[in-house]
Amino acid sequence: MLLLSPELGHRTIDDWKSGPSFTGSFDVMFHLDYHGGQAIKYCIISCVPVNAVGDIVACTMTNAIERRLEITGPINPGSDVYGFKNVWYNPTIAKVNITKVEILYMDGSSESISGQKMVEDMRRWQQQKQQEQQLKEQQRWRNMNAFNRWAYTHPFLFVLFMIGEFLLLGLLAWLVVTFFV
């Protein structure tokens, strides 16, 4: 399974920022998460820019709409980030939609995945990750002792309790010093 998450913005000298660069160009960065059995030789991503109301828009310099962005492998299973500079010039671009992904494997086989399937796979993966996180939270909650659970759900009362405990220890120390020393 290949998961791609596009991010639109521009690269500065030492950072990534959302929005266009000072020249009006947009760069595209893809967060790629690959869970396959064999290495990918090339990953060709076809994508279109979309404005804030969901309409496809064109580059104001070249009138290009769809771009084919090629990642050269080998891409092994795992996560990585790939970036492309100056993909489009248009200040109205709000996001990127992937229309198709073509994958060529090292053994010569290939696969084509529609943009819709990529979106469905990403949604399913995000739901799975969310469920895993909820299960971890439930397990952590079950592993807490009663006092920690009480402190976690009543932070203000916990702080008051700790202050009271500190004052009680101070009073006890004063009593010991005053009457027994």
N, C-alpha and C. Protein backbone atom coordinates (compact mmCIF):
# COMPACT_ATOMS: atom_id res chain seq x y z
N MET A 1 0.84 -1.18 0.00
CA MET A 1 0.00 0.00 0.00
C MET A 1 0.89 1.24 0.00
N LEU A 2 0.53 2.20 -0.81
CA LEU A 2 1.25 3.47 -0.91
C LEU A 2 0.31 4.57 -0.46
N LEU A 3 0.74 5.36 0.52
CA LEU A 3 -0.04 6.49 0.99
C LEU A 3 0.72 7.77 0.68
N LEU A 4 0.04 8.71 0.04
CA LEU A 4 0.65 10.00 -0.29
C LEU A 4 -0.18 11.12 0.32
N SER A 5 0.48 12.01 0.99
CA SER A 5 -0.19 13.17 1.57
C SER A 5 0.50 14.42 1.04
N PRO A 6 -0.17 15.17 0.13
CA PRO A 6 0.47 16.37 -0.42
C PRO A 6 0.37 17.56 0.52
N GLU A 7 1.40 18.40 0.47
CA GLU A 7 1.41 19.63 1.23
C GLU A 7 1.83 20.75 0.29
N LEU A 8 1.09 21.81 0.29
CA LEU A 8 1.30 22.93 -0.62
C LEU A 8 1.95 24.08 0.14
N GLY A 9 2.95 24.70 -0.43
CA GLY A 9 3.62 25.83 0.21
C GLY A 9 4.87 26.20 -0.55
N HIS A 10 5.90 26.59 0.19
CA HIS A 10 7.18 26.91 -0.44
C HIS A 10 8.30 26.73 0.58
N ARG A 11 9.46 26.41 0.06
CA ARG A 11 10.63 26.20 0.90
C ARG A 11 11.42 27.50 0.98
N THR A 12 11.78 27.86 2.20
CA THR A 12 12.69 28.98 2.41
C THR A 12 14.08 28.37 2.63
N ILE A 13 15.04 29.18 3.01
CA ILE A 13 16.40 28.67 3.20
C ILE A 13 16.43 27.55 4.22
N ASP A 14 15.69 27.69 5.31
CA ASP A 14 15.78 26.69 6.37
C ASP A 14 14.43 26.19 6.87
N ASP A 15 13.35 26.43 6.13
CA ASP A 15 12.03 26.08 6.65
C ASP A 15 11.05 25.82 5.51
N TRP A 16 9.89 25.27 5.85
CA TRP A 16 8.78 25.07 4.92
C TRP A 16 7.65 25.97 5.39
N LYS A 17 7.09 26.76 4.50
CA LYS A 17 6.00 27.67 4.86
C LYS A 17 4.81 27.41 3.96
N SER A 18 3.62 27.57 4.50
CA SER A 18 2.41 27.43 3.69
C SER A 18 2.25 28.69 2.85
N GLY A 19 1.47 28.58 1.79
CA GLY A 19 1.24 29.72 0.91
C GLY A 19 2.31 29.85 -0.16
N PRO A 20 2.12 30.78 -1.08
CA PRO A 20 3.08 30.94 -2.17
C PRO A 20 4.35 31.65 -1.71
N SER A 21 5.40 31.49 -2.49
CA SER A 21 6.65 32.21 -2.22
C SER A 21 6.48 33.67 -2.61
N PHE A 22 7.50 34.49 -2.40
CA PHE A 22 7.40 35.91 -2.76
C PHE A 22 7.25 36.11 -4.27
N THR A 23 7.63 35.11 -5.06
CA THR A 23 7.45 35.20 -6.52
C THR A 23 6.08 34.70 -6.96
N GLY A 24 5.31 34.15 -6.02
CA GLY A 24 3.98 33.64 -6.36
C GLY A 24 3.95 32.17 -6.74
N SER A 25 5.09 31.48 -6.58
CA SER A 25 5.13 30.07 -6.96
C SER A 25 4.79 29.18 -5.77
N PHE A 26 4.24 28.03 -6.09
CA PHE A 26 3.94 27.02 -5.09
C PHE A 26 4.85 25.82 -5.31
N ASP A 27 5.39 25.32 -4.22
CA ASP A 27 6.10 24.05 -4.22
C ASP A 27 5.14 23.01 -3.67
N VAL A 28 5.39 21.75 -4.00
CA VAL A 28 4.57 20.67 -3.47
C VAL A 28 5.49 19.68 -2.78
N MET A 29 5.10 19.31 -1.56
CA MET A 29 5.85 18.31 -0.80
C MET A 29 4.91 17.13 -0.55
N PHE A 30 5.40 15.92 -0.80
CA PHE A 30 4.62 14.71 -0.59
C PHE A 30 5.20 13.93 0.58
N HIS A 31 4.35 13.63 1.55
CA HIS A 31 4.71 12.72 2.62
C HIS A 31 4.31 11.34 2.13
N LEU A 32 5.28 10.49 1.90
CA LEU A 32 5.05 9.19 1.30
C LEU A 32 5.24 8.12 2.37
N ASP A 33 4.27 7.23 2.47
CA ASP A 33 4.33 6.11 3.41
C ASP A 33 4.07 4.85 2.60
N TYR A 34 5.08 4.02 2.44
CA TYR A 34 5.00 2.85 1.57
C TYR A 34 5.09 1.57 2.38
N HIS A 35 4.07 0.71 2.22
CA HIS A 35 4.02 -0.57 2.92
C HIS A 35 3.92 -1.69 1.88
N GLY A 36 4.90 -1.81 1.04
CA GLY A 36 4.87 -2.82 -0.01
C GLY A 36 5.99 -3.83 0.16
N GLY A 37 5.96 -4.84 -0.68
CA GLY A 37 6.94 -5.90 -0.58
C GLY A 37 8.19 -5.67 -1.39
N GLN A 38 8.09 -4.89 -2.46
CA GLN A 38 9.26 -4.69 -3.32
C GLN A 38 9.54 -3.21 -3.51
N ALA A 39 10.75 -2.91 -3.89
CA ALA A 39 11.17 -1.52 -4.06
C ALA A 39 10.51 -0.90 -5.30
N ILE A 40 10.22 0.39 -5.21
CA ILE A 40 9.64 1.15 -6.31
C ILE A 40 10.78 1.82 -7.08
N LYS A 41 10.74 1.70 -8.39
CA LYS A 41 11.75 2.34 -9.25
C LYS A 41 11.36 3.79 -9.53
N TYR A 42 10.13 4.00 -9.98
CA TYR A 42 9.60 5.35 -10.24
C TYR A 42 8.18 5.45 -9.69
N CYS A 43 7.87 6.61 -9.14
CA CYS A 43 6.51 6.91 -8.69
C CYS A 43 6.13 8.23 -9.38
N ILE A 44 5.17 8.16 -10.29
CA ILE A 44 4.76 9.34 -11.05
C ILE A 44 3.40 9.78 -10.54
N ILE A 45 3.36 10.99 -10.00
CA ILE A 45 2.15 11.51 -9.36
C ILE A 45 1.55 12.58 -10.26
N SER A 46 0.33 12.35 -10.71
CA SER A 46 -0.41 13.36 -11.49
C SER A 46 -1.31 14.11 -10.51
N CYS A 47 -1.22 15.44 -10.53
CA CYS A 47 -2.00 16.22 -9.59
C CYS A 47 -2.44 17.55 -10.22
N VAL A 48 -3.49 18.12 -9.63
CA VAL A 48 -4.04 19.39 -10.11
C VAL A 48 -4.18 20.36 -8.94
N PRO A 49 -4.02 21.66 -9.20
CA PRO A 49 -4.24 22.65 -8.15
C PRO A 49 -5.72 23.02 -8.07
N VAL A 50 -6.18 23.27 -6.84
CA VAL A 50 -7.58 23.58 -6.61
C VAL A 50 -7.65 24.86 -5.77
N ASN A 51 -8.62 25.72 -6.09
CA ASN A 51 -8.76 26.95 -5.31
C ASN A 51 -9.63 26.70 -4.07
N ALA A 52 -9.93 27.75 -3.32
CA ALA A 52 -10.64 27.63 -2.05
C ALA A 52 -12.08 27.14 -2.19
N VAL A 53 -12.68 27.28 -3.36
CA VAL A 53 -14.06 26.82 -3.55
C VAL A 53 -14.13 25.48 -4.28
N GLY A 54 -12.99 24.84 -4.49
CA GLY A 54 -12.96 23.51 -5.06
C GLY A 54 -12.83 23.43 -6.57
N ASP A 55 -12.61 24.56 -7.23
CA ASP A 55 -12.44 24.55 -8.69
C ASP A 55 -10.98 24.35 -9.06
N ILE A 56 -10.75 23.59 -10.12
CA ILE A 56 -9.40 23.39 -10.63
C ILE A 56 -8.95 24.68 -11.30
N VAL A 57 -7.73 25.12 -11.01
CA VAL A 57 -7.19 26.36 -11.58
C VAL A 57 -5.90 26.06 -12.35
N ALA A 58 -5.51 26.98 -13.18
CA ALA A 58 -4.31 26.81 -14.02
C ALA A 58 -3.17 27.68 -13.50
N CYS A 59 -1.98 27.32 -13.90
CA CYS A 59 -0.79 28.12 -13.62
C CYS A 59 -0.92 29.42 -14.42
N THR A 60 -0.66 30.55 -13.78
CA THR A 60 -0.79 31.83 -14.47
C THR A 60 0.35 32.10 -15.44
N MET A 61 1.46 31.37 -15.35
CA MET A 61 2.58 31.58 -16.26
C MET A 61 2.52 30.66 -17.48
N THR A 62 2.18 29.40 -17.26
CA THR A 62 2.24 28.42 -18.35
C THR A 62 0.87 27.91 -18.79
N ASN A 63 -0.18 28.27 -18.06
CA ASN A 63 -1.54 27.77 -18.29
C ASN A 63 -1.64 26.26 -18.08
N ALA A 64 -0.63 25.65 -17.51
CA ALA A 64 -0.67 24.22 -17.22
C ALA A 64 -1.61 23.97 -16.05
N ILE A 65 -2.33 22.88 -16.13
CA ILE A 65 -3.23 22.50 -15.04
C ILE A 65 -2.67 21.26 -14.35
N GLU A 66 -2.76 20.12 -15.02
CA GLU A 66 -2.26 18.90 -14.41
C GLU A 66 -0.74 18.81 -14.57
N ARG A 67 -0.08 18.42 -13.50
CA ARG A 67 1.37 18.22 -13.54
C ARG A 67 1.67 16.77 -13.20
N ARG A 68 2.66 16.22 -13.87
CA ARG A 68 3.15 14.87 -13.58
C ARG A 68 4.49 15.02 -12.89
N LEU A 69 4.53 14.68 -11.62
CA LEU A 69 5.73 14.84 -10.81
C LEU A 69 6.32 13.46 -10.56
N GLU A 70 7.59 13.29 -10.90
CA GLU A 70 8.21 11.97 -10.86
C GLU A 70 9.22 11.87 -9.71
N ILE A 71 9.01 10.84 -8.90
CA ILE A 71 9.96 10.52 -7.83
C ILE A 71 10.79 9.35 -8.33
N THR A 72 12.09 9.51 -8.34
CA THR A 72 13.00 8.45 -8.77
C THR A 72 13.47 7.67 -7.54
N GLY A 73 13.33 6.37 -7.62
CA GLY A 73 13.68 5.48 -6.51
C GLY A 73 15.16 5.21 -6.42
N PRO A 74 15.53 4.15 -5.80
CA PRO A 74 14.60 3.16 -5.26
C PRO A 74 13.88 3.68 -4.01
N ILE A 75 12.59 3.38 -3.94
CA ILE A 75 11.77 3.71 -2.77
C ILE A 75 11.49 2.40 -2.06
N ASN A 76 12.06 2.24 -0.90
CA ASN A 76 11.87 1.03 -0.10
C ASN A 76 10.75 1.24 0.90
N PRO A 77 10.20 0.15 1.44
CA PRO A 77 9.14 0.31 2.44
C PRO A 77 9.58 1.23 3.57
N GLY A 78 8.66 2.10 3.98
CA GLY A 78 8.93 3.07 5.04
C GLY A 78 8.33 4.42 4.68
N SER A 79 8.76 5.45 5.40
CA SER A 79 8.24 6.80 5.20
C SER A 79 9.35 7.72 4.73
N ASP A 80 8.96 8.69 3.90
CA ASP A 80 9.93 9.67 3.43
C ASP A 80 9.16 10.90 2.92
N VAL A 81 9.89 11.96 2.62
CA VAL A 81 9.31 13.20 2.12
C VAL A 81 10.01 13.57 0.82
N TYR A 82 9.22 13.95 -0.19
CA TYR A 82 9.77 14.36 -1.49
C TYR A 82 9.17 15.71 -1.86
N GLY A 83 10.00 16.60 -2.37
CA GLY A 83 9.53 17.94 -2.71
C GLY A 83 9.81 18.32 -4.15
N PHE A 84 8.95 19.17 -4.69
CA PHE A 84 9.08 19.69 -6.05
C PHE A 84 8.92 21.20 -6.00
N LYS A 85 9.88 21.92 -6.58
CA LYS A 85 9.88 23.39 -6.54
C LYS A 85 9.15 23.99 -7.73
N ASN A 86 8.54 25.14 -7.50
CA ASN A 86 7.91 25.96 -8.54
C ASN A 86 6.98 25.14 -9.45
N VAL A 87 6.07 24.42 -8.85
CA VAL A 87 5.16 23.56 -9.61
C VAL A 87 4.11 24.40 -10.33
N TRP A 88 3.51 25.38 -9.63
CA TRP A 88 2.52 26.28 -10.23
C TRP A 88 2.73 27.70 -9.73
N TYR A 89 2.30 28.64 -10.54
CA TYR A 89 2.24 30.05 -10.15
C TYR A 89 0.78 30.46 -10.22
N ASN A 90 0.16 30.69 -9.08
CA ASN A 90 -1.22 31.17 -9.03
C ASN A 90 -1.55 31.42 -7.57
N PRO A 91 -1.83 32.66 -7.19
CA PRO A 91 -2.07 32.96 -5.78
C PRO A 91 -3.39 32.41 -5.24
N THR A 92 -4.28 31.92 -6.12
CA THR A 92 -5.58 31.41 -5.65
C THR A 92 -5.54 29.93 -5.29
N ILE A 93 -4.41 29.26 -5.50
CA ILE A 93 -4.32 27.83 -5.18
C ILE A 93 -4.43 27.63 -3.67
N ALA A 94 -5.33 26.70 -3.29
CA ALA A 94 -5.54 26.42 -1.87
C ALA A 94 -5.11 25.01 -1.48
N LYS A 95 -5.19 24.07 -2.43
CA LYS A 95 -4.76 22.70 -2.13
C LYS A 95 -4.44 21.95 -3.41
N VAL A 96 -3.94 20.74 -3.24
CA VAL A 96 -3.56 19.90 -4.38
C VAL A 96 -4.39 18.63 -4.32
N ASN A 97 -4.95 18.24 -5.46
CA ASN A 97 -5.66 16.96 -5.57
C ASN A 97 -4.84 16.02 -6.43
N ILE A 98 -4.62 14.83 -5.93
CA ILE A 98 -3.94 13.80 -6.71
C ILE A 98 -4.96 13.14 -7.62
N THR A 99 -4.67 13.10 -8.93
CA THR A 99 -5.61 12.48 -9.87
C THR A 99 -5.23 11.05 -10.20
N LYS A 100 -3.93 10.74 -10.19
CA LYS A 100 -3.48 9.40 -10.51
C LYS A 100 -2.04 9.23 -10.04
N VAL A 101 -1.71 7.98 -9.67
CA VAL A 101 -0.34 7.64 -9.30
C VAL A 101 0.05 6.40 -10.09
N GLU A 102 1.15 6.52 -10.82
CA GLU A 102 1.68 5.38 -11.57
C GLU A 102 2.94 4.91 -10.85
N ILE A 103 2.99 3.61 -10.57
CA ILE A 103 4.12 3.04 -9.85
C ILE A 103 4.80 2.02 -10.75
N LEU A 104 6.09 2.19 -10.96
CA LEU A 104 6.90 1.21 -11.70
C LEU A 104 7.86 0.58 -10.70
N TYR A 105 7.78 -0.74 -10.59
CA TYR A 105 8.59 -1.47 -9.61
C TYR A 105 9.93 -1.85 -10.23
N MET A 106 10.88 -2.20 -9.39
CA MET A 106 12.23 -2.57 -9.83
C MET A 106 12.23 -3.82 -10.71
N ASP A 107 11.23 -4.71 -10.53
CA ASP A 107 11.19 -5.94 -11.32
C ASP A 107 10.54 -5.74 -12.69
N GLY A 108 10.13 -4.51 -13.02
CA GLY A 108 9.52 -4.21 -14.32
C GLY A 108 8.02 -4.18 -14.30
N SER A 109 7.38 -4.65 -13.25
CA SER A 109 5.92 -4.59 -13.18
C SER A 109 5.49 -3.17 -12.85
N SER A 110 4.21 -2.88 -13.08
CA SER A 110 3.71 -1.54 -12.82
C SER A 110 2.29 -1.61 -12.28
N GLU A 111 1.86 -0.48 -11.75
CA GLU A 111 0.53 -0.37 -11.15
C GLU A 111 0.07 1.07 -11.31
N SER A 112 -1.22 1.26 -11.56
CA SER A 112 -1.80 2.59 -11.66
C SER A 112 -2.92 2.70 -10.63
N ILE A 113 -2.88 3.76 -9.83
CA ILE A 113 -3.87 3.96 -8.76
C ILE A 113 -4.57 5.28 -9.01
N SER A 114 -5.90 5.26 -8.98
CA SER A 114 -6.65 6.50 -9.20
C SER A 114 -6.53 7.41 -7.98
N GLY A 115 -6.76 8.69 -8.20
CA GLY A 115 -6.73 9.64 -7.10
C GLY A 115 -7.79 9.34 -6.06
N GLN A 116 -8.96 8.88 -6.52
CA GLN A 116 -10.05 8.54 -5.60
C GLN A 116 -9.64 7.39 -4.68
N LYS A 117 -8.98 6.38 -5.25
CA LYS A 117 -8.53 5.25 -4.43
C LYS A 117 -7.47 5.70 -3.43
N MET A 118 -6.59 6.62 -3.85
CA MET A 118 -5.59 7.16 -2.92
C MET A 118 -6.27 7.85 -1.73
N VAL A 119 -7.32 8.62 -2.02
CA VAL A 119 -8.05 9.33 -0.97
C VAL A 119 -8.72 8.31 -0.04
N GLU A 120 -9.34 7.28 -0.61
CA GLU A 120 -9.99 6.26 0.21
C GLU A 120 -8.97 5.52 1.07
N ASP A 121 -7.83 5.14 0.49
CA ASP A 121 -6.79 4.46 1.25
C ASP A 121 -6.29 5.33 2.39
N MET A 122 -6.08 6.62 2.13
CA MET A 122 -5.60 7.55 3.15
C MET A 122 -6.64 7.68 4.27
N ARG A 123 -7.91 7.80 3.90
CA ARG A 123 -8.97 7.93 4.90
C ARG A 123 -9.03 6.66 5.76
N ARG A 124 -8.96 5.51 5.12
CA ARG A 124 -9.00 4.24 5.85
C ARG A 124 -7.79 4.13 6.79
N TRP A 125 -6.61 4.52 6.32
CA TRP A 125 -5.40 4.47 7.13
C TRP A 125 -5.51 5.42 8.32
N GLN A 126 -6.05 6.64 8.09
CA GLN A 126 -6.20 7.60 9.18
C GLN A 126 -7.18 7.08 10.23
N GLN A 127 -8.27 6.44 9.78
CA GLN A 127 -9.23 5.86 10.73
C GLN A 127 -8.58 4.75 11.54
N GLN A 128 -7.78 3.93 10.88
CA GLN A 128 -7.09 2.84 11.57
C GLN A 128 -6.13 3.40 12.61
N LYS A 129 -5.36 4.44 12.24
CA LYS A 129 -4.43 5.05 13.18
C LYS A 129 -5.18 5.67 14.36
N GLN A 130 -6.33 6.29 14.09
CA GLN A 130 -7.14 6.90 15.14
C GLN A 130 -7.66 5.82 16.10
N GLN A 131 -8.10 4.69 15.56
CA GLN A 131 -8.58 3.59 16.41
C GLN A 131 -7.43 3.03 17.25
N GLU A 132 -6.26 2.89 16.65
CA GLU A 132 -5.10 2.41 17.41
C GLU A 132 -4.76 3.36 18.54
N GLN A 133 -4.84 4.67 18.28
CA GLN A 133 -4.55 5.67 19.31
C GLN A 133 -5.58 5.60 20.43
N GLN A 134 -6.86 5.41 20.07
CA GLN A 134 -7.91 5.29 21.09
C GLN A 134 -7.68 4.05 21.95
N LEU A 135 -7.29 2.93 21.32
CA LEU A 135 -7.01 1.71 22.09
C LEU A 135 -5.84 1.91 23.03
N LYS A 136 -4.79 2.61 22.58
CA LYS A 136 -3.64 2.89 23.44
C LYS A 136 -4.07 3.74 24.63
N GLU A 137 -4.91 4.74 24.37
CA GLU A 137 -5.38 5.62 25.44
C GLU A 137 -6.23 4.83 26.45
N GLN A 138 -7.09 3.95 25.94
CA GLN A 138 -7.90 3.13 26.84
C GLN A 138 -7.02 2.21 27.68
N GLN A 139 -6.00 1.63 27.07
CA GLN A 139 -5.08 0.75 27.80
C GLN A 139 -4.31 1.54 28.85
N ARG A 140 -3.86 2.72 28.49
CA ARG A 140 -3.14 3.56 29.44
C ARG A 140 -4.04 3.92 30.62
N TRP A 141 -5.30 4.21 30.32
CA TRP A 141 -6.27 4.56 31.35
C TRP A 141 -6.50 3.37 32.29
N ARG A 142 -6.61 2.17 31.72
CA ARG A 142 -6.80 0.97 32.53
C ARG A 142 -5.58 0.69 33.41
N ASN A 143 -4.41 1.05 32.92
CA ASN A 143 -3.18 0.78 33.68
C ASN A 143 -2.93 1.79 34.80
N MET A 144 -3.65 2.89 34.80
CA MET A 144 -3.46 3.89 35.86
C MET A 144 -4.06 3.38 37.17
N ASN A 145 -3.41 3.71 38.30
CA ASN A 145 -4.03 3.38 39.59
C ASN A 145 -5.12 4.41 39.88
N ALA A 146 -5.91 4.16 40.90
CA ALA A 146 -7.08 5.01 41.19
C ALA A 146 -6.69 6.46 41.47
N PHE A 147 -5.60 6.67 42.22
CA PHE A 147 -5.19 8.04 42.54
C PHE A 147 -4.79 8.80 41.28
N ASN A 148 -3.99 8.17 40.40
CA ASN A 148 -3.58 8.83 39.17
C ASN A 148 -4.78 9.13 38.28
N ARG A 149 -5.74 8.21 38.24
CA ARG A 149 -6.95 8.45 37.45
C ARG A 149 -7.71 9.66 37.99
N TRP A 150 -7.81 9.74 39.33
CA TRP A 150 -8.51 10.86 39.96
C TRP A 150 -7.77 12.17 39.65
N ALA A 151 -6.44 12.15 39.76
CA ALA A 151 -5.64 13.35 39.49
C ALA A 151 -5.75 13.76 38.03
N TYR A 152 -5.83 12.81 37.13
CA TYR A 152 -5.93 13.10 35.70
C TYR A 152 -7.26 13.74 35.34
N THR A 153 -8.34 13.29 36.00
CA THR A 153 -9.67 13.81 35.66
C THR A 153 -10.04 15.05 36.47
N HIS A 154 -9.33 15.31 37.58
CA HIS A 154 -9.62 16.47 38.42
C HIS A 154 -8.33 17.26 38.68
N PRO A 155 -7.76 17.89 37.66
CA PRO A 155 -6.45 18.53 37.85
C PRO A 155 -6.46 19.66 38.88
N PHE A 156 -7.56 20.43 38.96
CA PHE A 156 -7.61 21.54 39.91
C PHE A 156 -7.62 21.00 41.34
N LEU A 157 -8.45 19.98 41.58
CA LEU A 157 -8.49 19.38 42.91
C LEU A 157 -7.16 18.72 43.26
N PHE A 158 -6.51 18.15 42.26
CA PHE A 158 -5.21 17.53 42.49
C PHE A 158 -4.19 18.58 42.95
N VAL A 159 -4.20 19.74 42.32
CA VAL A 159 -3.27 20.81 42.72
C VAL A 159 -3.58 21.25 44.14
N LEU A 160 -4.87 21.40 44.47
CA LEU A 160 -5.23 21.77 45.84
C LEU A 160 -4.77 20.70 46.84
N PHE A 161 -4.94 19.45 46.45
CA PHE A 161 -4.49 18.34 47.30
C PHE A 161 -2.99 18.40 47.54
N MET A 162 -2.24 18.66 46.48
CA MET A 162 -0.78 18.72 46.61
C MET A 162 -0.35 19.91 47.47
N ILE A 163 -1.03 21.04 47.33
CA ILE A 163 -0.72 22.20 48.18
C ILE A 163 -1.03 21.87 49.63
N GLY A 164 -2.19 21.24 49.87
CA GLY A 164 -2.55 20.85 51.23
C GLY A 164 -1.55 19.87 51.82
N GLU A 165 -1.10 18.93 51.01
CA GLU A 165 -0.11 17.95 51.47
C GLU A 165 1.20 18.65 51.81
N PHE A 166 1.61 19.63 50.99
CA PHE A 166 2.83 20.38 51.24
C PHE A 166 2.71 21.17 52.55
N LEU A 167 1.55 21.82 52.77
CA LEU A 167 1.35 22.58 54.01
C LEU A 167 1.32 21.66 55.22
N LEU A 168 0.70 20.49 55.08
CA LEU A 168 0.66 19.53 56.18
C LEU A 168 2.06 19.04 56.54
N LEU A 169 2.88 18.76 55.52
CA LEU A 169 4.25 18.34 55.79
C LEU A 169 5.04 19.47 56.45
N GLY A 170 4.80 20.69 56.04
CA GLY A 170 5.47 21.84 56.66
C GLY A 170 5.07 21.99 58.12
N LEU A 171 3.77 21.81 58.41
CA LEU A 171 3.29 21.89 59.79
C LEU A 171 3.89 20.78 60.63
N LEU A 172 3.94 19.58 60.08
CA LEU A 172 4.52 18.45 60.79
C LEU A 172 6.00 18.69 61.08
N ALA A 173 6.74 19.22 60.12
CA ALA A 173 8.15 19.53 60.33
C ALA A 173 8.31 20.59 61.42
N TRP A 174 7.44 21.60 61.44
CA TRP A 174 7.50 22.65 62.45
C TRP A 174 7.24 22.07 63.84
N LEU A 175 6.24 21.17 63.95
CA LEU A 175 5.93 20.54 65.22
C LEU A 175 7.10 19.72 65.74
N VAL A 176 7.73 18.96 64.85
CA VAL A 176 8.88 18.14 65.26
C VAL A 176 10.01 19.02 65.75
N VAL A 177 10.32 20.06 65.01
CA VAL A 177 11.41 20.96 65.39
C VAL A 177 11.08 21.70 66.67
N THR A 178 9.85 22.14 66.83
CA THR A 178 9.46 22.94 67.97
C THR A 178 9.42 22.09 69.26
N PHE A 179 8.83 20.91 69.23
CA PHE A 179 8.61 20.16 70.45
C PHE A 179 9.60 19.05 70.72
N PHE A 180 10.32 18.58 69.71
CA PHE A 180 11.19 17.43 69.94
C PHE A 180 12.68 17.74 69.76
N VAL A 181 13.02 18.90 69.38
CA VAL A 181 14.43 19.21 69.20
C VAL A 181 14.90 20.16 70.26
